[in-house]
């Protein structure tokens, strides 16, 4: 998998919210979760956004909002899952 990182998404995901403890390697590792749950999210006039819920290297369940352009994943935002999202994740991996 290839990821697109630039000053804009690095600033928003890493620097603007240091309390979230996000790191590039951690966010990318979420996509390696064999139980990763992805659903289509909001679509605007330029792009389709998606929501991924999975465990990264830290084993913390994370939510990653992202787009895909020419097969390249561009993370937009990331945070730790809340109780509702954790329940959603486990309900969906049981269905696999």
PDB file of N, CA and C in Angstrom:
ATOM      1  N   UNK A   1       0.830  -1.179   0.000  1.00  0.00           N
ATOM      2  CA  UNK A   1       0.000   0.000   0.000  1.00  0.00           C
ATOM      3  C   UNK A   1       0.875   1.243   0.000  1.00  0.00           C
ATOM      4  N   UNK A   2       0.400   2.210  -0.731  1.00  0.00           N
ATOM      5  CA  UNK A   2       1.115   3.490  -0.760  1.00  0.00           C
ATOM      6  C   UNK A   2       0.253   4.551  -0.091  1.00  0.00           C
ATOM      7  N   UNK A   3       0.931   5.459   0.585  1.00  0.00           N
ATOM      8  CA  UNK A   3       0.254   6.524   1.312  1.00  0.00           C
ATOM      9  C   UNK A   3       0.774   7.874   0.848  1.00  0.00           C
ATOM     10  N   UNK A   4      -0.092   8.861   0.858  1.00  0.00           N
ATOM     11  CA  UNK A   4       0.290  10.222   0.497  1.00  0.00           C
ATOM     12  C   UNK A   4       0.323  11.076   1.756  1.00  0.00           C
ATOM     13  N   UNK A   5       1.504  11.597   2.043  1.00  0.00           N
ATOM     14  CA  UNK A   5       1.685  12.507   3.179  1.00  0.00           C
ATOM     15  C   UNK A   5       2.276  13.808   2.656  1.00  0.00           C
ATOM     16  N   UNK A   6       1.733  14.911   3.107  1.00  0.00           N
ATOM     17  CA  UNK A   6       2.298  16.217   2.784  1.00  0.00           C
ATOM     18  C   UNK A   6       2.136  17.121   4.007  1.00  0.00           C
ATOM     19  N   UNK A   7       2.549  18.365   3.872  1.00  0.00           N
ATOM     20  CA  UNK A   7       2.485  19.278   5.020  1.00  0.00           C
ATOM     21  C   UNK A   7       1.070  19.428   5.576  1.00  0.00           C
ATOM     22  N   UNK A   8       0.066  19.383   4.708  1.00  0.00           N
ATOM     23  CA  UNK A   8      -1.314  19.604   5.159  1.00  0.00           C
ATOM     24  C   UNK A   8      -1.834  18.464   6.020  1.00  0.00           C
ATOM     25  N   UNK A   9      -1.749  17.224   5.530  1.00  0.00           N
ATOM     26  CA  UNK A   9      -2.302  16.142   6.352  1.00  0.00           C
ATOM     27  C   UNK A   9      -1.395  15.808   7.532  1.00  0.00           C
ATOM     28  N   UNK A  10      -0.098  15.992   7.406  1.00  0.00           N
ATOM     29  CA  UNK A  10       0.790  15.797   8.560  1.00  0.00           C
ATOM     30  C   UNK A  10       0.467  16.803   9.665  1.00  0.00           C
ATOM     31  N   UNK A  11       0.275  18.057   9.262  1.00  0.00           N
ATOM     32  CA  UNK A  11      -0.045  19.084  10.257  1.00  0.00           C
ATOM     33  C   UNK A  11      -1.369  18.767  10.946  1.00  0.00           C
ATOM     34  N   UNK A  12      -2.403  18.444  10.157  1.00  0.00           N
ATOM     35  CA  UNK A  12      -3.718  18.199  10.747  1.00  0.00           C
ATOM     36  C   UNK A  12      -3.732  16.952  11.637  1.00  0.00           C
ATOM     37  N   UNK A  13      -3.135  15.878  11.171  1.00  0.00           N
ATOM     38  CA  UNK A  13      -3.220  14.605  11.900  1.00  0.00           C
ATOM     39  C   UNK A  13      -2.233  14.530  13.063  1.00  0.00           C
ATOM     40  N   UNK A  14      -1.044  15.012  12.868  1.00  0.00           N
ATOM     41  CA  UNK A  14       0.013  14.856  13.879  1.00  0.00           C
ATOM     42  C   UNK A  14       0.161  16.111  14.751  1.00  0.00           C
ATOM     43  N   UNK A  15       0.344  17.254  14.136  1.00  0.00           N
ATOM     44  CA  UNK A  15       0.702  18.465  14.885  1.00  0.00           C
ATOM     45  C   UNK A  15      -0.485  19.174  15.526  1.00  0.00           C
ATOM     46  N   UNK A  16      -1.629  19.229  14.830  1.00  0.00           N
ATOM     47  CA  UNK A  16      -2.783  19.962  15.375  1.00  0.00           C
ATOM     48  C   UNK A  16      -3.410  19.265  16.584  1.00  0.00           C
ATOM     49  N   UNK A  17      -3.235  17.967  16.693  1.00  0.00           N
ATOM     50  CA  UNK A  17      -3.849  17.204  17.787  1.00  0.00           C
ATOM     51  C   UNK A  17      -2.811  16.300  18.471  1.00  0.00           C
ATOM     52  N   UNK A  18      -1.807  16.874  19.116  1.00  0.00           N
ATOM     53  CA  UNK A  18      -0.759  16.044  19.726  1.00  0.00           C
ATOM     54  C   UNK A  18      -1.304  15.109  20.810  1.00  0.00           C
ATOM     55  N   UNK A  19      -2.436  15.474  21.425  1.00  0.00           N
ATOM     56  CA  UNK A  19      -3.019  14.632  22.474  1.00  0.00           C
ATOM     57  C   UNK A  19      -3.500  13.282  21.934  1.00  0.00           C
ATOM     58  N   UNK A  20      -3.676  13.173  20.630  1.00  0.00           N
ATOM     59  CA  UNK A  20      -4.112  11.902  20.037  1.00  0.00           C
ATOM     60  C   UNK A  20      -2.967  10.906  19.886  1.00  0.00           C
ATOM     61  N   UNK A  21      -1.742  11.393  19.982  1.00  0.00           N
ATOM     62  CA  UNK A  21      -0.581  10.510  19.922  1.00  0.00           C
ATOM     63  C   UNK A  21      -0.374   9.837  18.577  1.00  0.00           C
ATOM     64  N   UNK A  22      -0.833  10.446  17.496  1.00  0.00           N
ATOM     65  CA  UNK A  22      -0.702   9.838  16.176  1.00  0.00           C
ATOM     66  C   UNK A  22       0.719   9.943  15.643  1.00  0.00           C
ATOM     67  N   UNK A  23       1.122   8.890  14.968  1.00  0.00           N
ATOM     68  CA  UNK A  23       2.399   8.851  14.261  1.00  0.00           C
ATOM     69  C   UNK A  23       2.138   8.231  12.889  1.00  0.00           C
ATOM     70  N   UNK A  24       2.905   8.627  11.895  1.00  0.00           N
ATOM     71  CA  UNK A  24       2.714   8.132  10.542  1.00  0.00           C
ATOM     72  C   UNK A  24       2.731   6.608  10.507  1.00  0.00           C
ATOM     73  N   UNK A  25       3.719   5.998  11.148  1.00  0.00           N
ATOM     74  CA  UNK A  25       3.859   4.539  11.114  1.00  0.00           C
ATOM     75  C   UNK A  25       2.649   3.846  11.737  1.00  0.00           C
ATOM     76  N   UNK A  26       2.127   4.419  12.804  1.00  0.00           N
ATOM     77  CA  UNK A  26       0.960   3.842  13.480  1.00  0.00           C
ATOM     78  C   UNK A  26      -0.266   3.906  12.575  1.00  0.00           C
ATOM     79  N   UNK A  27      -0.487   5.047  11.959  1.00  0.00           N
ATOM     80  CA  UNK A  27      -1.652   5.204  11.086  1.00  0.00           C
ATOM     81  C   UNK A  27      -1.555   4.251   9.902  1.00  0.00           C
ATOM     82  N   UNK A  28      -0.409   4.156   9.282  1.00  0.00           N
ATOM     83  CA  UNK A  28      -0.251   3.237   8.156  1.00  0.00           C
ATOM     84  C   UNK A  28      -0.451   1.789   8.592  1.00  0.00           C
ATOM     85  N   UNK A  29      -0.032   1.443   9.801  1.00  0.00           N
ATOM     86  CA  UNK A  29      -0.162   0.059  10.266  1.00  0.00           C
ATOM     87  C   UNK A  29      -1.615  -0.344  10.520  1.00  0.00           C
ATOM     88  N   UNK A  30      -2.502   0.622  10.721  1.00  0.00           N
ATOM     89  CA  UNK A  30      -3.930   0.307  10.888  1.00  0.00           C
ATOM     90  C   UNK A  30      -4.440  -0.455   9.667  1.00  0.00           C
ATOM     91  N   UNK A  31      -3.944  -0.115   8.485  1.00  0.00           N
ATOM     92  CA  UNK A  31      -4.402  -0.740   7.250  1.00  0.00           C
ATOM     93  C   UNK A  31      -3.885  -2.177   7.092  1.00  0.00           C
ATOM     94  N   UNK A  32      -2.980  -2.613   7.966  1.00  0.00           N
ATOM     95  CA  UNK A  32      -2.496  -3.995   7.969  1.00  0.00           C
ATOM     96  C   UNK A  32      -3.332  -4.893   8.867  1.00  0.00           C
ATOM     97  N   UNK A  33      -4.270  -4.332   9.614  1.00  0.00           N
ATOM     98  CA  UNK A  33      -5.126  -5.120  10.505  1.00  0.00           C
ATOM     99  C   UNK A  33      -5.945  -6.092   9.660  1.00  0.00           C
ATOM    100  N   UNK A  34      -5.825  -7.406   9.893  1.00  0.00           N
ATOM    101  CA  UNK A  34      -6.603  -8.372   9.105  1.00  0.00           C
ATOM    102  C   UNK A  34      -8.114  -8.231   9.327  1.00  0.00           C
ATOM    103  N   UNK A  35      -8.510  -7.583  10.406  1.00  0.00           N
ATOM    104  CA  UNK A  35      -9.924  -7.371  10.703  1.00  0.00           C
ATOM    105  C   UNK A  35     -10.386  -5.953  10.382  1.00  0.00           C
ATOM    106  N   UNK A  36      -9.612  -5.220   9.610  1.00  0.00           N
ATOM    107  CA  UNK A  36      -9.922  -3.830   9.284  1.00  0.00           C
ATOM    108  C   UNK A  36     -11.346  -3.717   8.742  1.00  0.00           C
ATOM    109  N   UNK A  37     -12.087  -2.747   9.264  1.00  0.00           N
ATOM    110  CA  UNK A  37     -13.454  -2.482   8.813  1.00  0.00           C
ATOM    111  C   UNK A  37     -13.441  -1.135   8.100  1.00  0.00           C
ATOM    112  N   UNK A  38     -13.893  -1.141   6.846  1.00  0.00           N
ATOM    113  CA  UNK A  38     -13.925   0.094   6.050  1.00  0.00           C
ATOM    114  C   UNK A  38     -15.346   0.320   5.576  1.00  0.00           C
ATOM    115  N   UNK A  39     -15.781   1.559   5.699  1.00  0.00           N
ATOM    116  CA  UNK A  39     -17.094   1.916   5.157  1.00  0.00           C
ATOM    117  C   UNK A  39     -16.986   3.245   4.433  1.00  0.00           C
ATOM    118  N   UNK A  40     -17.828   3.413   3.424  1.00  0.00           N
ATOM    119  CA  UNK A  40     -17.862   4.676   2.692  1.00  0.00           C
ATOM    120  C   UNK A  40     -18.412   5.748   3.604  1.00  0.00           C
ATOM    121  N   UNK A  41     -17.813   6.900   3.521  1.00  0.00           N
ATOM    122  CA  UNK A  41     -18.259   8.028   4.320  1.00  0.00           C
ATOM    123  C   UNK A  41     -18.834   9.115   3.440  1.00  0.00           C
ATOM    124  N   UNK A  42     -18.627  10.315   3.856  1.00  0.00           N
ATOM    125  CA  UNK A  42     -19.163  11.483   3.168  1.00  0.00           C
ATOM    126  C   UNK A  42     -18.519  11.653   1.796  1.00  0.00           C
ATOM    127  N   UNK A  43     -19.307  12.074   0.844  1.00  0.00           N
ATOM    128  CA  UNK A  43     -18.792  12.397  -0.490  1.00  0.00           C
ATOM    129  C   UNK A  43     -19.086  13.862  -0.750  1.00  0.00           C
ATOM    130  N   UNK A  44     -18.051  14.573  -1.194  1.00  0.00           N
ATOM    131  CA  UNK A  44     -18.292  15.948  -1.603  1.00  0.00           C
ATOM    132  C   UNK A  44     -18.076  16.042  -3.113  1.00  0.00           C
ATOM    133  N   UNK A  45     -18.037  17.228  -3.651  1.00  0.00           N
ATOM    134  CA  UNK A  45     -17.930  17.359  -5.106  1.00  0.00           C
ATOM    135  C   UNK A  45     -16.574  16.940  -5.650  1.00  0.00           C
ATOM    136  N   UNK A  46     -15.567  16.790  -4.784  1.00  0.00           N
ATOM    137  CA  UNK A  46     -14.239  16.445  -5.259  1.00  0.00           C
ATOM    138  C   UNK A  46     -13.831  15.013  -4.971  1.00  0.00           C
ATOM    139  N   UNK A  47     -14.313  14.436  -3.884  1.00  0.00           N
ATOM    140  CA  UNK A  47     -13.772  13.140  -3.485  1.00  0.00           C
ATOM    141  C   UNK A  47     -14.744  12.337  -2.629  1.00  0.00           C
ATOM    142  N   UNK A  48     -14.525  11.031  -2.622  1.00  0.00           N
ATOM    143  CA  UNK A  48     -15.233  10.116  -1.725  1.00  0.00           C
ATOM    144  C   UNK A  48     -14.321   9.882  -0.521  1.00  0.00           C
ATOM    145  N   UNK A  49     -14.860  10.034   0.663  1.00  0.00           N
ATOM    146  CA  UNK A  49     -14.094   9.749   1.874  1.00  0.00           C
ATOM    147  C   UNK A  49     -14.530   8.419   2.444  1.00  0.00           C
ATOM    148  N   UNK A  50     -13.612   7.776   3.133  1.00  0.00           N
ATOM    149  CA  UNK A  50     -13.855   6.484   3.750  1.00  0.00           C
ATOM    150  C   UNK A  50     -13.445   6.539   5.208  1.00  0.00           C
ATOM    151  N   UNK A  51     -14.006   5.619   5.996  1.00  0.00           N
ATOM    152  CA  UNK A  51     -13.663   5.487   7.405  1.00  0.00           C
ATOM    153  C   UNK A  51     -13.153   4.075   7.632  1.00  0.00           C
ATOM    154  N   UNK A  52     -11.944   3.978   8.147  1.00  0.00           N
ATOM    155  CA  UNK A  52     -11.349   2.688   8.488  1.00  0.00           C
ATOM    156  C   UNK A  52     -11.253   2.582  10.002  1.00  0.00           C
ATOM    157  N   UNK A  53     -11.604   1.414  10.525  1.00  0.00           N
ATOM    158  CA  UNK A  53     -11.471   1.155  11.957  1.00  0.00           C
ATOM    159  C   UNK A  53     -10.611  -0.098  12.088  1.00  0.00           C
ATOM    160  N   UNK A  54      -9.485   0.040  12.784  1.00  0.00           N
ATOM    161  CA  UNK A  54      -8.594  -1.105  12.943  1.00  0.00           C
ATOM    162  C   UNK A  54      -7.527  -0.851  13.988  1.00  0.00           C
ATOM    163  N   UNK A  55      -6.780  -1.917  14.249  1.00  0.00           N
ATOM    164  CA  UNK A  55      -5.687  -1.859  15.225  1.00  0.00           C
ATOM    165  C   UNK A  55      -4.363  -1.669  14.502  1.00  0.00           C
ATOM    166  N   UNK A  56      -3.600  -0.708  14.992  1.00  0.00           N
ATOM    167  CA  UNK A  56      -2.267  -0.492  14.464  1.00  0.00           C
ATOM    168  C   UNK A  56      -1.239  -1.235  15.306  1.00  0.00           C
ATOM    169  N   UNK A  57       0.020  -0.886  15.115  1.00  0.00           N
ATOM    170  CA  UNK A  57       1.112  -1.535  15.847  1.00  0.00           C
ATOM    171  C   UNK A  57       0.971  -1.405  17.358  1.00  0.00           C
ATOM    172  N   UNK A  58       0.367  -0.322  17.820  1.00  0.00           N
ATOM    173  CA  UNK A  58       0.222  -0.095  19.259  1.00  0.00           C
ATOM    174  C   UNK A  58      -0.909  -0.922  19.869  1.00  0.00           C
ATOM    175  N   UNK A  59      -1.706  -1.563  19.022  1.00  0.00           N
ATOM    176  CA  UNK A  59      -2.890  -2.334  19.429  1.00  0.00           C
ATOM    177  C   UNK A  59      -4.032  -1.463  19.920  1.00  0.00           C
ATOM    178  N   UNK A  60      -3.903  -0.147  19.761  1.00  0.00           N
ATOM    179  CA  UNK A  60      -5.000   0.762  20.087  1.00  0.00           C
ATOM    180  C   UNK A  60      -5.914   0.827  18.875  1.00  0.00           C
ATOM    181  N   UNK A  61      -7.206   0.668  19.094  1.00  0.00           N
ATOM    182  CA  UNK A  61      -8.164   0.733  18.005  1.00  0.00           C
ATOM    183  C   UNK A  61      -8.296   2.184  17.547  1.00  0.00           C
ATOM    184  N   UNK A  62      -8.066   2.420  16.259  1.00  0.00           N
ATOM    185  CA  UNK A  62      -8.068   3.770  15.697  1.00  0.00           C
ATOM    186  C   UNK A  62      -9.108   3.893  14.592  1.00  0.00           C
ATOM    187  N   UNK A  63      -9.580   5.112  14.405  1.00  0.00           N
ATOM    188  CA  UNK A  63     -10.437   5.478  13.286  1.00  0.00           C
ATOM    189  C   UNK A  63      -9.602   6.362  12.376  1.00  0.00           C
ATOM    190  N   UNK A  64      -9.531   5.985  11.093  1.00  0.00           N
ATOM    191  CA  UNK A  64      -8.784   6.780  10.124  1.00  0.00           C
ATOM    192  C   UNK A  64      -9.755   7.199   9.016  1.00  0.00           C
ATOM    193  N   UNK A  65      -9.885   8.486   8.812  1.00  0.00           N
ATOM    194  CA  UNK A  65     -10.655   9.021   7.691  1.00  0.00           C
ATOM    195  C   UNK A  65      -9.656   9.230   6.555  1.00  0.00           C
ATOM    196  N   UNK A  66     -10.017   8.763   5.354  1.00  0.00           N
ATOM    197  CA  UNK A  66      -9.059   8.820   4.251  1.00  0.00           C
ATOM    198  C   UNK A  66      -9.771   8.889   2.906  1.00  0.00           C
ATOM    199  N   UNK A  67      -9.007   9.231   1.884  1.00  0.00           N
ATOM    200  CA  UNK A  67      -9.464   9.166   0.500  1.00  0.00           C
ATOM    201  C   UNK A  67      -8.502   8.258  -0.252  1.00  0.00           C
ATOM    202  N   UNK A  68      -8.912   7.848  -1.428  1.00  0.00           N
ATOM    203  CA  UNK A  68      -8.043   7.057  -2.304  1.00  0.00           C
ATOM    204  C   UNK A  68      -8.024   7.742  -3.660  1.00  0.00           C
ATOM    205  N   UNK A  69      -6.832   7.998  -4.158  1.00  0.00           N
ATOM    206  CA  UNK A  69      -6.671   8.638  -5.461  1.00  0.00           C
ATOM    207  C   UNK A  69      -5.604   7.887  -6.241  1.00  0.00           C
ATOM    208  N   UNK A  70      -5.995   7.260  -7.339  1.00  0.00           N
ATOM    209  CA  UNK A  70      -5.075   6.473  -8.163  1.00  0.00           C
ATOM    210  C   UNK A  70      -4.373   5.392  -7.345  1.00  0.00           C
ATOM    211  N   UNK A  71      -5.111   4.763  -6.443  1.00  0.00           N
ATOM    212  CA  UNK A  71      -4.585   3.673  -5.635  1.00  0.00           C
ATOM    213  C   UNK A  71      -3.734   4.096  -4.452  1.00  0.00           C
ATOM    214  N   UNK A  72      -3.626   5.388  -4.202  1.00  0.00           N
ATOM    215  CA  UNK A  72      -2.820   5.905  -3.101  1.00  0.00           C
ATOM    216  C   UNK A  72      -3.759   6.381  -1.991  1.00  0.00           C
ATOM    217  N   UNK A  73      -3.502   5.931  -0.764  1.00  0.00           N
ATOM    218  CA  UNK A  73      -4.309   6.294   0.393  1.00  0.00           C
ATOM    219  C   UNK A  73      -3.802   7.611   0.965  1.00  0.00           C
ATOM    220  N   UNK A  74      -4.723   8.544   1.133  1.00  0.00           N
ATOM    221  CA  UNK A  74      -4.380   9.841   1.743  1.00  0.00           C
ATOM    222  C   UNK A  74      -5.154   9.986   3.047  1.00  0.00           C
ATOM    223  N   UNK A  75      -4.479   9.752   4.190  1.00  0.00           N
ATOM    224  CA  UNK A  75      -5.142   9.963   5.479  1.00  0.00           C
ATOM    225  C   UNK A  75      -5.524  11.430   5.659  1.00  0.00           C
ATOM    226  N   UNK A  76      -6.705  11.639   6.218  1.00  0.00           N
ATOM    227  CA  UNK A  76      -7.208  12.998   6.443  1.00  0.00           C
ATOM    228  C   UNK A  76      -7.293  13.297   7.933  1.00  0.00           C
ATOM    229  N   UNK A  77      -7.704  12.306   8.719  1.00  0.00           N
ATOM    230  CA  UNK A  77      -7.824  12.494  10.155  1.00  0.00           C
ATOM    231  C   UNK A  77      -7.712  11.137  10.838  1.00  0.00           C
ATOM    232  N   UNK A  78      -7.382  11.152  12.125  1.00  0.00           N
ATOM    233  CA  UNK A  78      -7.235   9.900  12.875  1.00  0.00           C
ATOM    234  C   UNK A  78      -7.411  10.173  14.357  1.00  0.00           C
ATOM    235  N   UNK A  79      -8.132   9.253  15.040  1.00  0.00           N
ATOM    236  CA  UNK A  79      -8.310   9.351  16.482  1.00  0.00           C
ATOM    237  C   UNK A  79      -8.557   7.966  17.048  1.00  0.00           C
ATOM    238  N   UNK A  80      -8.421   7.834  18.346  1.00  0.00           N
ATOM    239  CA  UNK A  80      -8.715   6.568  19.018  1.00  0.00           C
ATOM    240  C   UNK A  80     -10.216   6.334  19.018  1.00  0.00           C
ATOM    241  N   UNK A  81     -10.601   5.074  18.861  1.00  0.00           N
ATOM    242  CA  UNK A  81     -12.017   4.719  18.810  1.00  0.00           C
ATOM    243  C   UNK A  81     -12.691   4.928  20.165  1.00  0.00           C
ATOM    244  N   UNK A  82     -13.944   5.379  20.118  1.00  0.00           N
ATOM    245  CA  UNK A  82     -14.737   5.493  21.346  1.00  0.00           C
ATOM    246  C   UNK A  82     -15.484   4.167  21.576  1.00  0.00           C
ATOM    247  N   UNK A  83     -16.250   4.082  22.655  1.00  0.00           N
ATOM    248  CA  UNK A  83     -16.938   2.822  22.998  1.00  0.00           C
ATOM    249  C   UNK A  83     -17.873   2.355  21.896  1.00  0.00           C
ATOM    250  N   UNK A  84     -18.596   3.273  21.291  1.00  0.00           N
ATOM    251  CA  UNK A  84     -19.528   2.913  20.220  1.00  0.00           C
ATOM    252  C   UNK A  84     -18.777   2.344  19.016  1.00  0.00           C
ATOM    253  N   UNK A  85     -17.663   2.942  18.661  1.00  0.00           N
ATOM    254  CA  UNK A  85     -16.881   2.470  17.524  1.00  0.00           C
ATOM    255  C   UNK A  85     -16.220   1.140  17.836  1.00  0.00           C
ATOM    256  N   UNK A  86     -15.782   0.955  19.063  1.00  0.00           N
ATOM    257  CA  UNK A  86     -15.200  -0.333  19.465  1.00  0.00           C
ATOM    258  C   UNK A  86     -16.244  -1.437  19.318  1.00  0.00           C
ATOM    259  N   UNK A  87     -17.457  -1.181  19.769  1.00  0.00           N
ATOM    260  CA  UNK A  87     -18.547  -2.154  19.635  1.00  0.00           C
ATOM    261  C   UNK A  87     -18.819  -2.450  18.151  1.00  0.00           C
ATOM    262  N   UNK A  88     -18.864  -1.406  17.333  1.00  0.00           N
ATOM    263  CA  UNK A  88     -19.070  -1.543  15.886  1.00  0.00           C
ATOM    264  C   UNK A  88     -17.988  -2.435  15.265  1.00  0.00           C
ATOM    265  N   UNK A  89     -16.737  -2.218  15.643  1.00  0.00           N
ATOM    266  CA  UNK A  89     -15.606  -3.003  15.122  1.00  0.00           C
ATOM    267  C   UNK A  89     -15.804  -4.476  15.451  1.00  0.00           C
ATOM    268  N   UNK A  90     -16.063  -4.793  16.717  1.00  0.00           N
ATOM    269  CA  UNK A  90     -16.197  -6.191  17.115  1.00  0.00           C
ATOM    270  C   UNK A  90     -17.429  -6.854  16.520  1.00  0.00           C
ATOM    271  N   UNK A  91     -18.499  -6.114  16.352  1.00  0.00           N
ATOM    272  CA  UNK A  91     -19.685  -6.672  15.687  1.00  0.00           C
ATOM    273  C   UNK A  91     -19.386  -7.021  14.231  1.00  0.00           C
ATOM    274  N   UNK A  92     -18.597  -6.192  13.576  1.00  0.00           N
ATOM    275  CA  UNK A  92     -18.301  -6.417  12.165  1.00  0.00           C
ATOM    276  C   UNK A  92     -17.235  -7.481  11.935  1.00  0.00           C
ATOM    277  N   UNK A  93     -16.318  -7.668  12.860  1.00  0.00           N
ATOM    278  CA  UNK A  93     -15.323  -8.730  12.637  1.00  0.00           C
ATOM    279  C   UNK A  93     -15.931 -10.102  12.940  1.00  0.00           C
ATOM    280  N   UNK A  94     -16.973 -10.148  13.746  1.00  0.00           N
ATOM    281  CA  UNK A  94     -17.653 -11.428  13.991  1.00  0.00           C
ATOM    282  C   UNK A  94     -18.376 -11.898  12.749  1.00  0.00           C
ATOM    283  N   UNK A  95     -18.761 -10.957  11.882  1.00  0.00           N
ATOM    284  CA  UNK A  95     -19.481 -11.311  10.668  1.00  0.00           C
ATOM    285  C   UNK A  95     -18.568 -11.806   9.559  1.00  0.00           C
ATOM    286  N   UNK A  96     -17.264 -11.673   9.721  1.00  0.00           N
ATOM    287  CA  UNK A  96     -16.329 -12.085   8.664  1.00  0.00           C
ATOM    288  C   UNK A  96     -16.147 -13.580   8.631  1.00  0.00           C
TER     289      UNK A  96
END
